[in-house]
């Protein structure tokens, strides 16, 4: 299957929407709970995710047939998770749809491939302080199809093995839009240069973002600044209190 002819299967994918998404087509909800199941020929071959207001809550681990929470505070065993029997049934349906769409596009339709250009940015989890442990977060948006490789470098040397990366998951539940994140534990030093490179499936080019420690705020400076502000406020209050006392005595004498 060529990249162009297979776009009906690879670009559009096989989407199975949850009941919450269907309801969202009728009226705009206050909050939107979505469940998206898709399959494709690029890794990840299959994906099932649940989200609330475009924030991922849970994802299904197909090799181990188990639900996992995006955050440790969530509990994937609650009743709102799709039962394993239903997951298996939708998996088979998704495979059937993918095969049918692929064969149809190969036989009858030659369509341009639908792709998004990944948008990459890097930011820190905590305020920057040189010499203090922190986490760099590489954010990848506008990812479509939802398949990409991420690599990290520090001062020109690969540190990809030290990073952890999420699965691609759907956002904007009524659109074909995916995101993923990669996390790298670092201890920033002056002169460091970090890069995050994202290569989408079947692409010959990569999207690249750089990060360097910029205008770091030293902890000693923050402490001195806070102390100086406290002293200044105390001095202003002392002067104000003295002024009010003198004025009060002056008023009493005049009476």
C-alpha atoms as a PDB file:
ATOM      1  CA  UNK A   1       0.000   0.000   0.000  1.00  0.00           C
ATOM      2  CA  UNK A   2       1.548   3.298  -1.111  1.00  0.00           C
ATOM      3  CA  UNK A   3       1.672   6.292   1.185  1.00  0.00           C
ATOM      4  CA  UNK A   4      -0.702   8.271  -1.038  1.00  0.00           C
ATOM      5  CA  UNK A   5      -3.187   5.520  -1.839  1.00  0.00           C
ATOM      6  CA  UNK A   6      -3.207   4.347   1.734  1.00  0.00           C
ATOM      7  CA  UNK A   7      -4.068   7.741   3.142  1.00  0.00           C
ATOM      8  CA  UNK A   8      -7.704   6.791   3.612  1.00  0.00           C
ATOM      9  CA  UNK A   9      -6.565   4.245   6.167  1.00  0.00           C
ATOM     10  CA  UNK A  10      -3.410   5.924   7.430  1.00  0.00           C
ATOM     11  CA  UNK A  11      -4.617   9.509   7.362  1.00  0.00           C
ATOM     12  CA  UNK A  12      -8.241   9.194   8.368  1.00  0.00           C
ATOM     13  CA  UNK A  13      -7.575   6.119  10.563  1.00  0.00           C
ATOM     14  CA  UNK A  14     -10.442   4.078  11.944  1.00  0.00           C
ATOM     15  CA  UNK A  15     -12.111   6.137  14.664  1.00  0.00           C
ATOM     16  CA  UNK A  16     -14.615   4.697  17.100  1.00  0.00           C
ATOM     17  CA  UNK A  17     -16.181   7.388  19.224  1.00  0.00           C
ATOM     18  CA  UNK A  18     -17.572   6.995  22.741  1.00  0.00           C
ATOM     19  CA  UNK A  19     -21.087   8.051  23.650  1.00  0.00           C
ATOM     20  CA  UNK A  20     -19.856  11.287  25.210  1.00  0.00           C
ATOM     21  CA  UNK A  21     -18.359  12.460  21.920  1.00  0.00           C
ATOM     22  CA  UNK A  22     -21.549  11.615  20.051  1.00  0.00           C
ATOM     23  CA  UNK A  23     -23.541  13.700  22.508  1.00  0.00           C
ATOM     24  CA  UNK A  24     -21.091  16.565  22.054  1.00  0.00           C
ATOM     25  CA  UNK A  25     -22.123  16.847  18.407  1.00  0.00           C
ATOM     26  CA  UNK A  26     -25.618  17.859  19.500  1.00  0.00           C
ATOM     27  CA  UNK A  27     -24.784  20.563  22.014  1.00  0.00           C
ATOM     28  CA  UNK A  28     -21.723  22.084  23.579  1.00  0.00           C
ATOM     29  CA  UNK A  29     -21.163  20.464  26.987  1.00  0.00           C
ATOM     30  CA  UNK A  30     -19.729  22.057  30.092  1.00  0.00           C
ATOM     31  CA  UNK A  31     -17.208  19.207  30.258  1.00  0.00           C
ATOM     32  CA  UNK A  32     -16.404  16.642  27.600  1.00  0.00           C
ATOM     33  CA  UNK A  33     -15.461  13.049  28.397  1.00  0.00           C
ATOM     34  CA  UNK A  34     -14.168  11.308  25.262  1.00  0.00           C
ATOM     35  CA  UNK A  35     -13.089   7.793  24.444  1.00  0.00           C
ATOM     36  CA  UNK A  36     -11.127   7.256  21.236  1.00  0.00           C
ATOM     37  CA  UNK A  37     -10.126   3.935  19.685  1.00  0.00           C
ATOM     38  CA  UNK A  38      -7.983   3.931  16.547  1.00  0.00           C
ATOM     39  CA  UNK A  39      -5.810   1.594  14.539  1.00  0.00           C
ATOM     40  CA  UNK A  40      -3.196   2.250  11.870  1.00  0.00           C
ATOM     41  CA  UNK A  41      -0.277   0.587  10.129  1.00  0.00           C
ATOM     42  CA  UNK A  42       2.341   2.736  11.843  1.00  0.00           C
ATOM     43  CA  UNK A  43       3.363   2.100  15.454  1.00  0.00           C
ATOM     44  CA  UNK A  44       1.343   2.464  17.644  1.00  0.00           C
ATOM     45  CA  UNK A  45      -0.748  -0.054  15.715  1.00  0.00           C
ATOM     46  CA  UNK A  46      -3.664   0.276  18.143  1.00  0.00           C
ATOM     47  CA  UNK A  47      -4.598   2.872  20.718  1.00  0.00           C
ATOM     48  CA  UNK A  48      -7.447   3.369  23.150  1.00  0.00           C
ATOM     49  CA  UNK A  49      -7.551   6.456  25.345  1.00  0.00           C
ATOM     50  CA  UNK A  50      -9.997   8.286  27.581  1.00  0.00           C
ATOM     51  CA  UNK A  51      -9.811  12.027  28.190  1.00  0.00           C
ATOM     52  CA  UNK A  52     -11.636  14.795  30.013  1.00  0.00           C
ATOM     53  CA  UNK A  53     -11.625  18.251  28.435  1.00  0.00           C
ATOM     54  CA  UNK A  54      -8.697  17.248  26.165  1.00  0.00           C
ATOM     55  CA  UNK A  55      -6.573  16.023  29.090  1.00  0.00           C
ATOM     56  CA  UNK A  56      -5.747  12.330  28.966  1.00  0.00           C
ATOM     57  CA  UNK A  57      -6.980  10.281  31.912  1.00  0.00           C
ATOM     58  CA  UNK A  58      -6.321   6.645  30.952  1.00  0.00           C
ATOM     59  CA  UNK A  59      -4.835   4.577  28.141  1.00  0.00           C
ATOM     60  CA  UNK A  60      -5.008   0.881  27.342  1.00  0.00           C
ATOM     61  CA  UNK A  61      -1.873  -1.260  27.162  1.00  0.00           C
ATOM     62  CA  UNK A  62      -2.682  -3.772  24.416  1.00  0.00           C
ATOM     63  CA  UNK A  63       0.332  -6.115  24.874  1.00  0.00           C
ATOM     64  CA  UNK A  64      -0.527  -6.545  28.567  1.00  0.00           C
ATOM     65  CA  UNK A  65      -4.326  -6.141  28.224  1.00  0.00           C
ATOM     66  CA  UNK A  66      -4.525  -3.607  31.032  1.00  0.00           C
ATOM     67  CA  UNK A  67      -5.599  -0.026  31.694  1.00  0.00           C
ATOM     68  CA  UNK A  68      -3.079   2.559  32.917  1.00  0.00           C
ATOM     69  CA  UNK A  69      -3.596   6.011  34.411  1.00  0.00           C
ATOM     70  CA  UNK A  70      -1.915   9.079  32.956  1.00  0.00           C
ATOM     71  CA  UNK A  71      -1.308  10.296  36.520  1.00  0.00           C
ATOM     72  CA  UNK A  72      -0.615   8.093  39.511  1.00  0.00           C
ATOM     73  CA  UNK A  73      -3.444   9.688  41.513  1.00  0.00           C
ATOM     74  CA  UNK A  74      -6.026   8.215  39.119  1.00  0.00           C
ATOM     75  CA  UNK A  75      -7.394   4.682  39.489  1.00  0.00           C
ATOM     76  CA  UNK A  76      -7.760   2.735  36.223  1.00  0.00           C
ATOM     77  CA  UNK A  77      -9.860  -0.023  37.788  1.00  0.00           C
ATOM     78  CA  UNK A  78     -12.958   2.153  38.300  1.00  0.00           C
ATOM     79  CA  UNK A  79     -16.148   1.076  36.420  1.00  0.00           C
ATOM     80  CA  UNK A  80     -15.831   3.731  33.690  1.00  0.00           C
ATOM     81  CA  UNK A  81     -13.012   1.759  32.033  1.00  0.00           C
ATOM     82  CA  UNK A  82     -14.118  -0.296  29.036  1.00  0.00           C
ATOM     83  CA  UNK A  83     -14.288  -4.042  29.877  1.00  0.00           C
ATOM     84  CA  UNK A  84     -11.652  -6.275  28.260  1.00  0.00           C
ATOM     85  CA  UNK A  85     -14.287  -8.141  26.257  1.00  0.00           C
ATOM     86  CA  UNK A  86     -15.467  -4.869  24.681  1.00  0.00           C
ATOM     87  CA  UNK A  87     -11.877  -3.841  23.963  1.00  0.00           C
ATOM     88  CA  UNK A  88     -11.291  -7.131  22.112  1.00  0.00           C
ATOM     89  CA  UNK A  89     -14.473  -6.683  20.083  1.00  0.00           C
ATOM     90  CA  UNK A  90     -13.567  -3.112  19.078  1.00  0.00           C
ATOM     91  CA  UNK A  91     -10.028  -4.208  18.254  1.00  0.00           C
ATOM     92  CA  UNK A  92     -11.355  -6.772  15.798  1.00  0.00           C
ATOM     93  CA  UNK A  93     -13.757  -4.226  14.309  1.00  0.00           C
ATOM     94  CA  UNK A  94     -10.930  -1.689  13.947  1.00  0.00           C
ATOM     95  CA  UNK A  95      -8.760  -4.272  12.151  1.00  0.00           C
ATOM     96  CA  UNK A  96     -11.618  -5.113   9.791  1.00  0.00           C
ATOM     97  CA  UNK A  97     -12.280  -1.449   9.001  1.00  0.00           C
ATOM     98  CA  UNK A  98      -8.586  -0.735   8.457  1.00  0.00           C
ATOM     99  CA  UNK A  99      -8.240  -3.648   6.016  1.00  0.00           C
ATOM    100  CA  UNK A 100     -11.418  -2.702   4.144  1.00  0.00           C
ATOM    101  CA  UNK A 101     -10.453   0.977   3.853  1.00  0.00           C
ATOM    102  CA  UNK A 102      -6.903   0.109   2.772  1.00  0.00           C
ATOM    103  CA  UNK A 103      -8.112  -2.275   0.067  1.00  0.00           C
ATOM    104  CA  UNK A 104     -10.714   0.218  -1.139  1.00  0.00           C
ATOM    105  CA  UNK A 105      -8.202   3.064  -1.361  1.00  0.00           C
ATOM    106  CA  UNK A 106      -5.660   0.865  -3.168  1.00  0.00           C
ATOM    107  CA  UNK A 107      -8.243  -0.292  -5.682  1.00  0.00           C
ATOM    108  CA  UNK A 108     -10.372   2.773  -6.382  1.00  0.00           C
ATOM    109  CA  UNK A 109      -9.020   6.016  -4.894  1.00  0.00           C
ATOM    110  CA  UNK A 110      -5.677   7.749  -5.117  1.00  0.00           C
ATOM    111  CA  UNK A 111      -5.711  10.419  -2.455  1.00  0.00           C
ATOM    112  CA  UNK A 112      -2.917  12.651  -1.124  1.00  0.00           C
ATOM    113  CA  UNK A 113      -1.650  11.641   2.267  1.00  0.00           C
ATOM    114  CA  UNK A 114      -3.093  13.568   5.211  1.00  0.00           C
ATOM    115  CA  UNK A 115      -0.303  14.669   7.546  1.00  0.00           C
ATOM    116  CA  UNK A 116       0.312  17.248  10.227  1.00  0.00           C
ATOM    117  CA  UNK A 117       3.622  19.016  10.778  1.00  0.00           C
ATOM    118  CA  UNK A 118       4.660  18.365  14.398  1.00  0.00           C
ATOM    119  CA  UNK A 119       5.029  21.502  16.522  1.00  0.00           C
ATOM    120  CA  UNK A 120       7.792  21.053  19.112  1.00  0.00           C
ATOM    121  CA  UNK A 121       8.608  23.122  22.200  1.00  0.00           C
ATOM    122  CA  UNK A 122      10.704  22.583  25.337  1.00  0.00           C
ATOM    123  CA  UNK A 123      10.055  24.001  28.796  1.00  0.00           C
ATOM    124  CA  UNK A 124      10.978  23.219  32.400  1.00  0.00           C
ATOM    125  CA  UNK A 125       8.693  21.686  34.994  1.00  0.00           C
ATOM    126  CA  UNK A 126      10.019  23.980  37.763  1.00  0.00           C
ATOM    127  CA  UNK A 127      11.469  27.522  37.739  1.00  0.00           C
ATOM    128  CA  UNK A 128      15.049  27.419  36.479  1.00  0.00           C
ATOM    129  CA  UNK A 129      17.913  27.419  38.968  1.00  0.00           C
ATOM    130  CA  UNK A 130      21.408  26.522  37.766  1.00  0.00           C
ATOM    131  CA  UNK A 131      22.818  23.458  39.471  1.00  0.00           C
ATOM    132  CA  UNK A 132      19.412  22.349  40.783  1.00  0.00           C
ATOM    133  CA  UNK A 133      17.630  19.194  39.488  1.00  0.00           C
ATOM    134  CA  UNK A 134      14.775  19.897  37.118  1.00  0.00           C
ATOM    135  CA  UNK A 135      12.789  18.250  34.339  1.00  0.00           C
ATOM    136  CA  UNK A 136      12.741  19.294  30.702  1.00  0.00           C
ATOM    137  CA  UNK A 137       9.456  18.618  28.939  1.00  0.00           C
ATOM    138  CA  UNK A 138       9.331  18.246  25.168  1.00  0.00           C
ATOM    139  CA  UNK A 139       5.803  18.956  23.970  1.00  0.00           C
ATOM    140  CA  UNK A 140       4.750  17.651  20.541  1.00  0.00           C
ATOM    141  CA  UNK A 141       1.452  18.930  19.123  1.00  0.00           C
ATOM    142  CA  UNK A 142      -0.285  18.813  15.732  1.00  0.00           C
ATOM    143  CA  UNK A 143       0.834  15.197  15.384  1.00  0.00           C
ATOM    144  CA  UNK A 144      -0.999  13.272  12.660  1.00  0.00           C
ATOM    145  CA  UNK A 145      -0.869  10.361  12.051  1.00  0.00           C
ATOM    146  CA  UNK A 146      -0.142   9.665  15.748  1.00  0.00           C
ATOM    147  CA  UNK A 147       3.260   8.054  15.284  1.00  0.00           C
ATOM    148  CA  UNK A 148       6.697   9.605  15.894  1.00  0.00           C
ATOM    149  CA  UNK A 149      10.172   8.980  17.270  1.00  0.00           C
ATOM    150  CA  UNK A 150      11.662  11.415  19.818  1.00  0.00           C
ATOM    151  CA  UNK A 151      15.365  11.843  20.516  1.00  0.00           C
ATOM    152  CA  UNK A 152      17.185  14.103  23.007  1.00  0.00           C
ATOM    153  CA  UNK A 153      20.684  15.565  22.895  1.00  0.00           C
ATOM    154  CA  UNK A 154      22.728  17.441  25.487  1.00  0.00           C
ATOM    155  CA  UNK A 155      25.639  19.453  24.116  1.00  0.00           C
ATOM    156  CA  UNK A 156      25.583  17.345  20.952  1.00  0.00           C
ATOM    157  CA  UNK A 157      25.525  13.951  22.704  1.00  0.00           C
ATOM    158  CA  UNK A 158      22.513  11.665  22.788  1.00  0.00           C
ATOM    159  CA  UNK A 159      20.674  11.333  26.110  1.00  0.00           C
ATOM    160  CA  UNK A 160      17.553   9.716  24.654  1.00  0.00           C
ATOM    161  CA  UNK A 161      18.026   6.658  26.850  1.00  0.00           C
ATOM    162  CA  UNK A 162      17.500   8.818  29.944  1.00  0.00           C
ATOM    163  CA  UNK A 163      14.136  10.170  28.766  1.00  0.00           C
ATOM    164  CA  UNK A 164      10.607   8.816  29.199  1.00  0.00           C
ATOM    165  CA  UNK A 165       7.947   9.423  26.563  1.00  0.00           C
ATOM    166  CA  UNK A 166       4.168   9.112  26.670  1.00  0.00           C
ATOM    167  CA  UNK A 167       2.052   7.493  24.017  1.00  0.00           C
ATOM    168  CA  UNK A 168       0.420   9.776  21.476  1.00  0.00           C
ATOM    169  CA  UNK A 169      -3.077  10.580  22.655  1.00  0.00           C
ATOM    170  CA  UNK A 170      -6.006  12.470  21.111  1.00  0.00           C
ATOM    171  CA  UNK A 171      -6.904  16.019  22.069  1.00  0.00           C
ATOM    172  CA  UNK A 172      -9.756  18.162  20.755  1.00  0.00           C
ATOM    173  CA  UNK A 173     -11.893  15.052  20.691  1.00  0.00           C
ATOM    174  CA  UNK A 174     -13.882  16.059  17.600  1.00  0.00           C
ATOM    175  CA  UNK A 175     -10.769  16.721  15.481  1.00  0.00           C
ATOM    176  CA  UNK A 176      -7.861  14.662  14.174  1.00  0.00           C
ATOM    177  CA  UNK A 177      -5.295  16.099  16.572  1.00  0.00           C
ATOM    178  CA  UNK A 178      -2.773  14.254  18.746  1.00  0.00           C
ATOM    179  CA  UNK A 179      -0.113  15.180  21.289  1.00  0.00           C
ATOM    180  CA  UNK A 180       2.691  13.446  23.103  1.00  0.00           C
ATOM    181  CA  UNK A 181       5.244  14.451  25.735  1.00  0.00           C
ATOM    182  CA  UNK A 182       8.780  13.407  26.554  1.00  0.00           C
ATOM    183  CA  UNK A 183      10.465  14.032  29.922  1.00  0.00           C
ATOM    184  CA  UNK A 184      14.193  14.360  30.628  1.00  0.00           C
ATOM    185  CA  UNK A 185      15.635  14.745  34.127  1.00  0.00           C
ATOM    186  CA  UNK A 186      18.413  17.361  34.074  1.00  0.00           C
ATOM    187  CA  UNK A 187      20.638  19.485  36.299  1.00  0.00           C
ATOM    188  CA  UNK A 188      21.075  22.639  34.179  1.00  0.00           C
ATOM    189  CA  UNK A 189      24.508  24.249  34.002  1.00  0.00           C
ATOM    190  CA  UNK A 190      25.572  27.471  32.340  1.00  0.00           C
ATOM    191  CA  UNK A 191      26.397  26.847  28.685  1.00  0.00           C
ATOM    192  CA  UNK A 192      24.226  23.725  28.326  1.00  0.00           C
ATOM    193  CA  UNK A 193      22.359  23.198  25.046  1.00  0.00           C
ATOM    194  CA  UNK A 194      19.527  20.643  24.920  1.00  0.00           C
ATOM    195  CA  UNK A 195      17.584  19.607  21.837  1.00  0.00           C
ATOM    196  CA  UNK A 196      14.462  17.548  21.252  1.00  0.00           C
ATOM    197  CA  UNK A 197      14.044  16.062  17.761  1.00  0.00           C
ATOM    198  CA  UNK A 198      10.746  14.631  16.504  1.00  0.00           C
ATOM    199  CA  UNK A 199      10.506  12.478  13.387  1.00  0.00           C
ATOM    200  CA  UNK A 200       7.008  11.520  12.281  1.00  0.00           C
ATOM    201  CA  UNK A 201       6.242   8.197  10.608  1.00  0.00           C
ATOM    202  CA  UNK A 202       7.630   7.897   7.055  1.00  0.00           C
ATOM    203  CA  UNK A 203       9.105  11.420   7.207  1.00  0.00           C
ATOM    204  CA  UNK A 204      12.638  12.081   5.972  1.00  0.00           C
ATOM    205  CA  UNK A 205      12.953  15.267   8.032  1.00  0.00           C
ATOM    206  CA  UNK A 206      12.594  16.113  11.702  1.00  0.00           C
ATOM    207  CA  UNK A 207      11.083  18.925  13.727  1.00  0.00           C
ATOM    208  CA  UNK A 208      13.608  20.290  16.210  1.00  0.00           C
ATOM    209  CA  UNK A 209      13.491  22.464  19.323  1.00  0.00           C
ATOM    210  CA  UNK A 210      16.411  23.777  21.415  1.00  0.00           C
ATOM    211  CA  UNK A 211      16.597  24.813  25.045  1.00  0.00           C
ATOM    212  CA  UNK A 212      19.367  26.682  26.868  1.00  0.00           C
ATOM    213  CA  UNK A 213      19.344  28.060  30.434  1.00  0.00           C
ATOM    214  CA  UNK A 214      18.121  31.619  29.910  1.00  0.00           C
ATOM    215  CA  UNK A 215      18.037  34.321  32.578  1.00  0.00           C
ATOM    216  CA  UNK A 216      18.153  31.859  35.492  1.00  0.00           C
ATOM    217  CA  UNK A 217      17.105  33.248  38.846  1.00  0.00           C
ATOM    218  CA  UNK A 218      19.562  32.153  41.541  1.00  0.00           C
ATOM    219  CA  UNK A 219      18.041  30.969  44.824  1.00  0.00           C
ATOM    220  CA  UNK A 220      20.359  33.277  46.820  1.00  0.00           C
ATOM    221  CA  UNK A 221      19.089  36.219  44.794  1.00  0.00           C
ATOM    222  CA  UNK A 222      15.498  35.246  45.530  1.00  0.00           C
ATOM    223  CA  UNK A 223      16.282  34.955  49.239  1.00  0.00           C
ATOM    224  CA  UNK A 224      18.038  38.336  49.302  1.00  0.00           C
ATOM    225  CA  UNK A 225      15.218  39.896  47.317  1.00  0.00           C
ATOM    226  CA  UNK A 226      12.578  38.517  49.669  1.00  0.00           C
ATOM    227  CA  UNK A 227      14.582  39.747  52.679  1.00  0.00           C
ATOM    228  CA  UNK A 228      15.021  43.186  51.167  1.00  0.00           C
ATOM    229  CA  UNK A 229      11.316  43.470  50.392  1.00  0.00           C
ATOM    230  CA  UNK A 230      10.443  42.439  53.954  1.00  0.00           C
ATOM    231  CA  UNK A 231      12.822  45.045  55.421  1.00  0.00           C
ATOM    232  CA  UNK A 232      11.498  47.754  53.102  1.00  0.00           C
ATOM    233  CA  UNK A 233       7.882  46.960  53.983  1.00  0.00           C
ATOM    234  CA  UNK A 234       8.759  46.959  57.670  1.00  0.00           C
ATOM    235  CA  UNK A 235      10.458  50.334  57.356  1.00  0.00           C
ATOM    236  CA  UNK A 236       7.486  51.835  55.517  1.00  0.00           C
ATOM    237  CA  UNK A 237       5.085  50.544  58.164  1.00  0.00           C
ATOM    238  CA  UNK A 238       7.312  51.913  60.959  1.00  0.00           C
ATOM    239  CA  UNK A 239       7.438  55.375  59.359  1.00  0.00           C
ATOM    240  CA  UNK A 240       3.684  55.290  58.752  1.00  0.00           C
ATOM    241  CA  UNK A 241       3.002  54.270  62.339  1.00  0.00           C
ATOM    242  CA  UNK A 242       5.241  57.035  63.707  1.00  0.00           C
ATOM    243  CA  UNK A 243       3.517  59.582  61.469  1.00  0.00           C
ATOM    244  CA  UNK A 244       0.083  58.513  62.654  1.00  0.00           C
ATOM    245  CA  UNK A 245       1.127  58.691  66.329  1.00  0.00           C
ATOM    246  CA  UNK A 246       2.600  62.197  65.927  1.00  0.00           C
ATOM    247  CA  UNK A 247      -0.466  63.368  64.036  1.00  0.00           C
ATOM    248  CA  UNK A 248      -2.771  61.947  66.691  1.00  0.00           C
ATOM    249  CA  UNK A 249      -0.879  63.751  69.486  1.00  0.00           C
ATOM    250  CA  UNK A 250      -0.875  66.999  67.503  1.00  0.00           C
ATOM    251  CA  UNK A 251      -4.631  66.780  67.019  1.00  0.00           C
ATOM    252  CA  UNK A 252      -5.182  66.106  70.726  1.00  0.00           C
ATOM    253  CA  UNK A 253      -3.049  69.125  71.747  1.00  0.00           C
ATOM    254  CA  UNK A 254      -4.940  71.405  69.390  1.00  0.00           C
ATOM    255  CA  UNK A 255      -8.238  70.394  70.970  1.00  0.00           C
END
